[in-house]
N, C-alpha and C. Protein backbone atom coordinates (compact mmCIF):
# COMPACT_ATOMS: atom_id res chain seq x y z
N MET A 1 113.13 99.75 82.63
CA MET A 1 114.21 99.64 81.23
C MET A 1 113.41 100.51 80.74
N LYS A 2 114.94 100.85 79.65
CA LYS A 2 114.74 101.59 78.31
C LYS A 2 113.94 100.83 77.44
N TYR A 3 113.30 102.13 76.75
CA TYR A 3 112.05 101.50 76.21
C TYR A 3 112.73 102.74 74.87
N ASN A 4 113.31 101.52 74.00
CA ASN A 4 113.87 102.31 72.78
C ASN A 4 113.45 101.26 71.45
N LEU A 5 112.86 101.97 70.64
CA LEU A 5 112.29 101.27 69.11
C LEU A 5 112.77 101.85 68.17
N LEU A 6 114.27 102.19 67.89
CA LEU A 6 114.68 102.46 66.41
C LEU A 6 114.31 101.20 65.48
N ALA A 7 115.07 101.27 64.48
CA ALA A 7 114.11 100.33 63.65
C ALA A 7 115.26 99.23 63.66
N ASN A 8 116.33 99.72 63.88
CA ASN A 8 117.33 98.13 63.65
C ASN A 8 117.78 97.78 65.27
N ASP A 9 117.08 98.00 66.74
CA ASP A 9 116.73 97.39 67.61
C ASP A 9 116.18 96.91 67.97
N PHE A 10 114.54 97.13 66.72
CA PHE A 10 113.61 96.37 67.31
C PHE A 10 113.41 94.98 67.29
N MET A 11 113.58 94.61 66.38
CA MET A 11 113.28 92.92 66.32
C MET A 11 114.33 92.34 67.52
N SER A 12 115.54 92.58 67.78
CA SER A 12 116.25 91.86 68.90
C SER A 12 115.72 92.37 70.09
N ASN A 13 114.56 93.47 70.31
CA ASN A 13 113.91 93.83 72.03
C ASN A 13 112.49 94.02 71.81
N ILE A 14 112.05 92.93 70.67
CA ILE A 14 110.56 93.16 70.53
C ILE A 14 110.08 92.52 71.65
N GLU A 15 110.31 91.67 72.75
CA GLU A 15 109.85 91.20 74.27
C GLU A 15 109.86 92.37 74.84
N ASN A 16 110.87 93.27 74.84
CA ASN A 16 110.34 94.67 75.53
C ASN A 16 109.88 95.63 75.40
N THR A 17 108.40 95.09 74.46
CA THR A 17 107.74 96.43 74.26
C THR A 17 106.14 96.51 74.40
N ILE A 18 105.66 97.30 74.84
CA ILE A 18 104.51 96.81 75.64
C ILE A 18 103.52 96.27 74.85
N THR A 19 103.13 96.22 73.91
CA THR A 19 102.51 95.54 73.00
C THR A 19 102.53 93.97 72.94
N TYR A 20 103.95 94.07 73.56
CA TYR A 20 104.65 92.09 73.71
C TYR A 20 103.98 91.77 75.05
N LEU A 21 104.55 92.78 75.77
CA LEU A 21 104.18 92.28 77.57
C LEU A 21 102.66 92.15 77.87
N LEU A 22 101.91 93.37 77.25
CA LEU A 22 100.57 93.94 77.24
C LEU A 22 99.86 92.45 76.46
N THR A 23 100.05 91.87 75.49
CA THR A 23 99.40 90.75 75.09
C THR A 23 99.11 89.28 75.91
N PRO A 24 99.99 88.55 76.42
CA PRO A 24 99.68 87.75 77.50
C PRO A 24 99.47 88.18 79.16
N VAL A 25 99.05 89.44 78.99
CA VAL A 25 98.70 89.92 80.10
C VAL A 25 96.99 89.75 79.94
N SER A 26 96.71 90.47 78.78
CA SER A 26 95.23 90.50 78.42
C SER A 26 94.44 89.40 77.90
N ASN A 27 95.06 88.35 77.53
CA ASN A 27 94.81 87.09 77.45
C ASN A 27 95.08 86.39 78.86
N ALA A 28 95.51 86.21 79.86
CA ALA A 28 95.40 85.93 81.12
C ALA A 28 93.89 86.44 81.73
N TYR A 29 93.65 88.01 81.55
CA TYR A 29 93.04 88.29 81.95
C TYR A 29 91.24 88.11 81.59
N TRP A 30 91.53 87.94 80.27
CA TRP A 30 90.05 87.59 79.55
C TRP A 30 89.92 86.03 79.89
N ALA A 31 90.84 85.14 79.66
CA ALA A 31 90.45 83.87 80.37
C ALA A 31 90.26 83.60 81.70
N ASN A 32 90.19 84.40 82.62
CA ASN A 32 89.99 84.73 83.99
C ASN A 32 88.55 85.17 84.27
N LEU A 33 88.25 86.26 83.23
CA LEU A 33 86.93 86.86 83.50
C LEU A 33 86.10 85.60 83.21
N GLU A 34 86.57 85.19 81.63
CA GLU A 34 85.62 83.66 80.96
C GLU A 34 85.09 82.94 81.71
N LYS A 35 85.89 82.25 82.78
CA LYS A 35 86.38 80.82 83.99
C LYS A 35 85.29 81.81 85.04
N ALA A 36 85.14 82.86 85.03
CA ALA A 36 84.38 84.03 86.72
C ALA A 36 82.76 83.96 85.94
N MET A 37 82.81 84.04 85.15
CA MET A 37 81.49 84.81 84.50
C MET A 37 80.66 82.62 84.36
N ASN A 38 81.70 82.23 83.77
CA ASN A 38 80.90 81.10 83.34
C ASN A 38 80.71 80.18 84.66
N GLU A 39 81.20 80.72 85.69
CA GLU A 39 80.39 79.69 86.91
C GLU A 39 79.25 80.82 87.69
N ILE A 40 78.27 81.43 86.55
CA ILE A 40 77.47 81.52 86.84
C ILE A 40 76.65 82.19 85.20
N ASN A 41 77.13 80.78 84.42
CA ASN A 41 76.86 80.68 83.54
C ASN A 41 76.10 81.49 82.48
N LEU A 42 77.69 82.45 82.23
CA LEU A 42 77.72 83.35 80.99
C LEU A 42 78.96 83.46 80.58
N HIS A 43 79.07 83.93 79.38
CA HIS A 43 80.49 84.25 78.59
C HIS A 43 80.75 85.39 79.20
N SER A 44 82.24 85.65 78.52
CA SER A 44 82.44 86.99 79.19
C SER A 44 82.16 88.24 78.75
N GLY A 45 81.98 87.80 77.08
CA GLY A 45 81.41 89.03 76.12
C GLY A 45 80.34 89.78 76.78
N GLN A 46 79.30 88.38 76.84
CA GLN A 46 77.97 88.90 77.29
C GLN A 46 78.00 89.89 78.46
N VAL A 47 78.55 89.66 79.29
CA VAL A 47 78.81 90.38 80.37
C VAL A 47 78.66 91.94 80.27
N PHE A 48 79.53 92.21 79.55
CA PHE A 48 79.40 93.82 78.34
C PHE A 48 78.26 94.17 77.79
N VAL A 49 77.46 93.58 77.32
CA VAL A 49 76.55 93.74 77.16
C VAL A 49 74.99 93.96 77.96
N LEU A 50 75.12 93.24 78.88
CA LEU A 50 74.55 93.50 80.01
C LEU A 50 74.43 94.85 80.98
N ILE A 51 76.25 95.31 81.26
CA ILE A 51 76.31 96.05 81.96
C ILE A 51 75.81 97.60 81.28
N SER A 52 75.90 97.33 79.91
CA SER A 52 75.62 98.19 78.92
C SER A 52 74.03 98.52 78.96
N LEU A 53 72.96 97.91 79.03
CA LEU A 53 71.77 97.76 78.96
C LEU A 53 71.68 98.16 80.23
N TRP A 54 72.21 98.11 81.54
CA TRP A 54 71.96 98.47 83.42
C TRP A 54 72.27 99.74 83.06
N LYS A 55 72.98 100.52 82.16
CA LYS A 55 73.31 102.15 82.28
C LYS A 55 71.88 102.46 81.30
N GLN A 56 71.61 101.72 80.37
CA GLN A 56 70.61 102.38 79.37
C GLN A 56 69.84 101.64 78.86
N ASP A 57 68.80 100.49 79.44
CA ASP A 57 67.81 100.21 78.89
C ASP A 57 67.35 100.46 77.81
N GLY A 58 66.76 99.06 76.65
CA GLY A 58 66.41 99.98 75.45
C GLY A 58 67.12 100.01 74.20
N GLN A 59 68.07 99.93 74.61
CA GLN A 59 69.32 100.78 73.47
C GLN A 59 68.87 99.39 72.17
N SER A 60 69.53 99.91 70.56
CA SER A 60 69.00 99.45 69.70
C SER A 60 70.25 98.39 70.13
N GLN A 61 70.70 97.37 68.84
CA GLN A 61 71.84 96.49 68.78
C GLN A 61 73.13 97.75 67.57
N ILE A 62 72.70 98.37 67.02
CA ILE A 62 73.68 99.41 66.54
C ILE A 62 74.13 100.34 67.59
N GLU A 63 73.37 100.76 68.52
CA GLU A 63 73.75 101.36 70.17
C GLU A 63 74.82 100.84 70.65
N LEU A 64 74.49 99.73 71.05
CA LEU A 64 75.39 98.78 71.63
C LEU A 64 76.78 98.21 70.65
N SER A 65 76.17 98.27 69.76
CA SER A 65 77.89 98.08 68.80
C SER A 65 78.52 99.29 69.24
N LYS A 66 78.23 100.19 69.06
CA LYS A 66 78.96 101.69 69.13
C LYS A 66 79.66 101.48 70.53
N ASN A 67 78.49 101.44 71.40
CA ASN A 67 79.14 101.90 72.51
C ASN A 67 80.03 100.46 73.50
N LEU A 68 79.91 99.61 72.46
CA LEU A 68 80.61 98.56 73.34
C LEU A 68 81.99 98.64 72.30
N ASN A 69 82.10 99.09 70.82
CA ASN A 69 82.89 99.27 70.19
C ASN A 69 83.20 97.20 69.58
N LEU A 70 82.00 97.05 69.01
CA LEU A 70 82.09 95.58 68.84
C LEU A 70 81.58 95.72 67.32
N ALA A 71 81.65 95.09 66.38
CA ALA A 71 81.14 95.05 65.07
C ALA A 71 80.02 94.42 64.95
N PRO A 72 78.80 94.84 64.52
CA PRO A 72 77.53 94.70 64.74
C PRO A 72 77.09 93.38 64.68
N PRO A 73 77.81 92.05 63.87
CA PRO A 73 77.59 90.94 64.06
C PRO A 73 77.56 90.30 65.09
N THR A 74 78.48 90.70 65.90
CA THR A 74 79.28 90.53 66.82
C THR A 74 78.22 90.24 67.92
N VAL A 75 77.52 91.74 68.38
CA VAL A 75 76.49 92.34 69.46
C VAL A 75 75.11 91.69 69.18
N ASN A 76 74.77 91.25 67.48
CA ASN A 76 73.69 90.45 67.15
C ASN A 76 73.96 89.12 67.89
N LYS A 77 75.27 88.00 67.62
CA LYS A 77 75.20 86.69 68.50
C LYS A 77 74.97 86.80 69.77
N MET A 78 75.84 87.88 70.63
CA MET A 78 75.56 88.11 71.92
C MET A 78 74.09 88.23 72.24
N VAL A 79 73.23 89.30 71.89
CA VAL A 79 72.04 89.29 71.88
C VAL A 79 71.54 87.95 72.00
N LYS A 80 71.46 87.54 70.47
CA LYS A 80 70.84 86.36 70.24
C LYS A 80 70.83 85.14 71.84
N SER A 81 72.30 85.15 71.87
CA SER A 81 72.40 83.82 72.87
C SER A 81 71.86 84.19 74.27
N LEU A 82 71.99 85.83 74.80
CA LEU A 82 71.25 86.14 76.11
C LEU A 82 69.90 86.34 75.72
N VAL A 83 68.88 86.39 74.80
CA VAL A 83 67.54 86.29 74.81
C VAL A 83 67.10 84.73 74.70
N GLU A 84 68.00 83.82 74.02
CA GLU A 84 67.60 82.32 74.41
C GLU A 84 68.06 82.38 76.13
N SER A 85 68.97 82.73 76.12
CA SER A 85 68.97 82.22 77.98
C SER A 85 67.64 83.36 78.57
N SER A 86 67.11 83.94 78.14
CA SER A 86 65.93 84.88 78.90
C SER A 86 66.69 85.94 79.87
N PHE A 87 67.82 86.70 79.61
CA PHE A 87 68.74 87.90 80.10
C PHE A 87 68.11 88.81 79.60
N VAL A 88 67.58 88.81 78.25
CA VAL A 88 67.28 90.23 77.59
C VAL A 88 65.62 89.66 76.49
N ARG A 89 65.39 90.85 75.70
CA ARG A 89 64.07 90.42 74.97
C ARG A 89 64.28 91.42 73.89
N SER A 90 64.36 90.86 72.53
CA SER A 90 64.81 91.81 71.67
C SER A 90 63.14 92.48 71.35
N GLN A 91 63.05 93.67 70.36
CA GLN A 91 62.16 94.29 70.48
C GLN A 91 62.36 95.06 69.00
N ARG A 92 61.88 94.88 68.08
CA ARG A 92 61.56 95.92 66.39
C ARG A 92 60.98 97.01 66.66
N GLY A 93 61.56 98.30 66.18
CA GLY A 93 61.11 99.13 66.43
C GLY A 93 59.56 99.47 65.89
N LYS A 94 58.80 100.08 66.49
CA LYS A 94 57.49 100.84 65.81
C LYS A 94 57.09 101.12 64.65
N THR A 95 58.42 102.07 64.51
CA THR A 95 57.86 103.30 63.45
C THR A 95 58.79 102.36 62.20
N ASP A 96 60.17 102.13 62.89
CA ASP A 96 61.29 101.70 62.40
C ASP A 96 61.69 99.97 62.35
N THR A 97 60.70 99.29 61.69
CA THR A 97 61.02 97.96 61.99
C THR A 97 62.30 97.27 61.56
N ARG A 98 63.46 98.15 60.88
CA ARG A 98 65.07 97.69 61.01
C ARG A 98 65.67 97.49 62.32
N ILE A 99 65.38 98.79 63.04
CA ILE A 99 65.72 98.85 64.63
C ILE A 99 65.35 98.07 65.41
N VAL A 100 66.41 96.94 66.29
CA VAL A 100 66.30 96.49 66.98
C VAL A 100 67.08 96.59 68.08
N ARG A 101 65.48 97.21 69.15
CA ARG A 101 65.95 97.10 70.63
C ARG A 101 65.97 95.85 71.39
N VAL A 102 67.41 96.53 72.26
CA VAL A 102 67.51 95.12 73.42
C VAL A 102 66.90 95.57 75.20
N PHE A 103 66.33 94.41 75.41
CA PHE A 103 65.65 95.36 76.84
C PHE A 103 65.89 94.07 77.74
N LEU A 104 66.40 94.58 79.36
CA LEU A 104 66.82 93.65 80.29
C LEU A 104 65.45 92.93 80.53
N THR A 105 65.43 91.64 80.74
CA THR A 105 64.38 90.99 81.59
C THR A 105 64.58 90.60 83.28
N ASP A 106 63.68 90.45 83.80
CA ASP A 106 64.15 90.18 85.16
C ASP A 106 64.94 89.48 85.70
N LYS A 107 65.08 88.31 85.00
CA LYS A 107 65.99 87.43 85.13
C LYS A 107 67.74 88.23 84.71
N GLY A 108 67.70 88.95 83.74
CA GLY A 108 69.00 89.90 83.53
C GLY A 108 69.01 91.11 84.52
N ASN A 109 67.72 91.37 84.80
CA ASN A 109 68.21 92.36 86.09
C ASN A 109 68.78 91.70 87.61
N GLU A 110 68.50 90.73 87.82
CA GLU A 110 68.70 89.61 88.95
C GLU A 110 69.53 89.34 89.19
N ILE A 111 70.97 88.97 87.46
CA ILE A 111 71.98 88.34 87.93
C ILE A 111 72.82 89.35 87.98
N LYS A 112 72.58 90.48 87.95
CA LYS A 112 73.67 92.04 88.41
C LYS A 112 74.56 91.36 89.47
N SER A 113 73.48 91.02 90.35
CA SER A 113 74.64 91.10 91.68
C SER A 113 75.45 90.04 91.54
N LEU A 114 74.85 88.92 91.62
CA LEU A 114 76.37 87.97 90.79
C LEU A 114 76.75 88.03 90.15
N ILE A 115 76.84 89.06 89.05
CA ILE A 115 77.84 89.41 87.95
C ILE A 115 78.70 90.81 88.98
N GLU A 116 78.68 91.52 89.78
CA GLU A 116 79.00 91.88 90.51
C GLU A 116 80.28 91.32 91.54
N GLU A 117 79.37 90.83 91.63
CA GLU A 117 80.29 89.59 93.43
C GLU A 117 81.33 88.76 92.79
N GLN A 118 81.46 88.26 91.24
CA GLN A 118 82.58 87.93 90.26
C GLN A 118 83.40 88.84 89.77
N TRP A 119 82.60 90.13 89.48
CA TRP A 119 84.19 91.14 89.14
C TRP A 119 84.82 91.04 90.15
N LEU A 120 83.86 91.72 91.35
CA LEU A 120 85.20 91.76 92.55
C LEU A 120 85.98 91.27 92.74
N LYS A 121 85.69 89.67 92.72
CA LYS A 121 86.78 88.43 93.02
C LYS A 121 87.84 88.79 92.09
N LEU A 122 87.34 89.29 90.52
CA LEU A 122 88.69 89.24 89.78
C LEU A 122 89.54 89.97 89.74
N GLU A 123 88.76 91.37 89.99
CA GLU A 123 89.64 92.85 90.43
C GLU A 123 90.26 92.55 91.73
N ILE A 124 89.74 91.94 92.99
CA ILE A 124 90.50 91.64 93.78
C ILE A 124 91.99 90.71 93.65
N GLN A 125 91.49 89.64 92.95
CA GLN A 125 92.73 88.80 92.46
C GLN A 125 93.90 89.61 91.37
N THR A 126 92.94 90.87 90.24
CA THR A 126 93.76 91.20 89.73
C THR A 126 95.05 92.07 90.20
N LEU A 127 94.47 92.74 91.16
CA LEU A 127 95.20 93.84 91.78
C LEU A 127 95.73 93.55 93.27
N LEU A 128 95.99 92.10 93.45
CA LEU A 128 96.74 91.79 94.56
C LEU A 128 97.75 91.92 95.16
N ASN A 129 98.73 92.24 94.86
CA ASN A 129 99.69 92.78 94.73
C ASN A 129 100.24 94.11 94.54
N PHE A 130 99.17 95.01 94.22
CA PHE A 130 99.62 96.37 94.30
C PHE A 130 98.84 96.95 95.27
N THR A 131 100.19 98.77 95.24
CA THR A 131 100.09 99.71 96.42
C THR A 131 98.73 100.30 95.99
N GLU A 132 98.15 101.30 96.67
CA GLU A 132 97.25 101.56 96.39
C GLU A 132 97.52 102.79 95.52
N THR A 133 98.74 103.52 95.37
CA THR A 133 99.67 104.27 94.73
C THR A 133 99.50 103.45 93.37
N GLU A 134 100.12 102.22 93.41
CA GLU A 134 100.06 101.48 91.72
C GLU A 134 98.97 101.38 91.32
N LYS A 135 98.07 101.30 91.79
CA LYS A 135 96.76 101.07 90.99
C LYS A 135 95.94 102.51 90.79
N LEU A 136 96.29 103.74 91.08
CA LEU A 136 96.05 104.95 91.01
C LEU A 136 96.62 105.17 89.45
N ILE A 137 98.36 105.26 89.29
CA ILE A 137 98.79 105.24 88.37
C ILE A 137 98.58 103.84 87.12
N LEU A 138 98.10 102.45 87.57
CA LEU A 138 97.53 101.74 86.35
C LEU A 138 96.11 102.27 85.84
N PHE A 139 95.07 102.76 86.58
CA PHE A 139 93.90 103.44 85.62
C PHE A 139 94.77 104.31 85.43
N GLN A 140 95.21 105.26 85.32
CA GLN A 140 95.40 106.56 84.78
C GLN A 140 96.68 105.79 83.46
N LEU A 141 97.06 104.92 83.62
CA LEU A 141 98.24 104.75 82.23
C LEU A 141 96.47 103.87 81.65
N PHE A 142 96.01 102.35 82.30
CA PHE A 142 95.75 101.71 81.11
C PHE A 142 94.02 103.25 80.66
N GLY A 143 93.70 104.21 80.93
CA GLY A 143 93.06 105.32 80.58
C GLY A 143 93.74 106.30 79.23
N LYS A 144 95.02 106.09 79.71
CA LYS A 144 95.41 106.67 78.34
C LYS A 144 95.88 105.94 77.38
N LEU A 145 95.84 104.52 77.57
CA LEU A 145 96.48 103.22 76.40
C LEU A 145 94.88 103.08 75.67
N LYS A 146 93.82 103.40 76.74
CA LYS A 146 92.36 103.02 75.81
C LYS A 146 92.11 104.11 74.82
N GLU A 147 92.17 105.49 75.81
CA GLU A 147 92.37 106.47 74.59
C GLU A 147 92.92 106.51 73.18
N ASN A 148 94.31 106.15 73.14
CA ASN A 148 95.32 105.60 72.03
C ASN A 148 95.12 105.08 71.19
N LEU A 149 94.33 103.96 72.51
CA LEU A 149 93.95 102.35 70.75
C LEU A 149 92.87 102.71 70.42
N THR A 150 91.38 103.25 70.95
CA THR A 150 89.82 103.84 70.84
C THR A 150 90.49 105.24 69.61
N GLY A 151 91.24 105.78 69.58
CA GLY A 151 90.81 107.01 68.80
C GLY A 151 90.86 108.12 69.36
N ASN A 152 90.24 108.07 70.54
CA ASN A 152 89.21 108.63 71.40
C ASN A 152 90.51 110.10 72.21
N VAL A 153 91.45 110.46 71.92
CA VAL A 153 92.15 111.29 72.53
C VAL A 153 91.67 112.15 72.64
N ALA A 154 91.80 113.28 74.21
CA ALA A 154 91.48 113.82 74.56
C ALA A 154 92.59 114.96 74.02
N THR A 155 92.00 115.77 73.40
CA THR A 155 92.96 117.18 73.05
C THR A 155 93.29 118.70 73.98
N ALA A 156 94.24 118.90 74.17
CA ALA A 156 94.68 119.73 75.29
C ALA A 156 93.93 121.47 74.23
């Protein structure tokens, strides 16, 4: 497919742009992730909070927000829900009570294997018809897309 975005051709070829093609793929992936996580009584966004805490427990909500590239109110809502479900606990800072740190509970640690199992099923489904070479190329391309879209582009 020829990728040409000249101004006069843009609107007639909008369906052949990466942005147009990526949207239904992203929506379908997110719907499948949500379905997989619902099977273990979680929401898709909550999983990313847990993953971040498995890497480094006791992060502040601001750190989680930065690490997940999400707005603080979004993280606050997810943490509140995870606290209510007993996956995490939150604790105000001892010296600075404005800081709220988030810690995994035993339940938050124990669900890791179930999340990994659901994640693996989704990974297999997502990459079902890909060759190993195509998977490697896809990982490289998505890495570049992520850099471009988050503004974290490596300079040479």
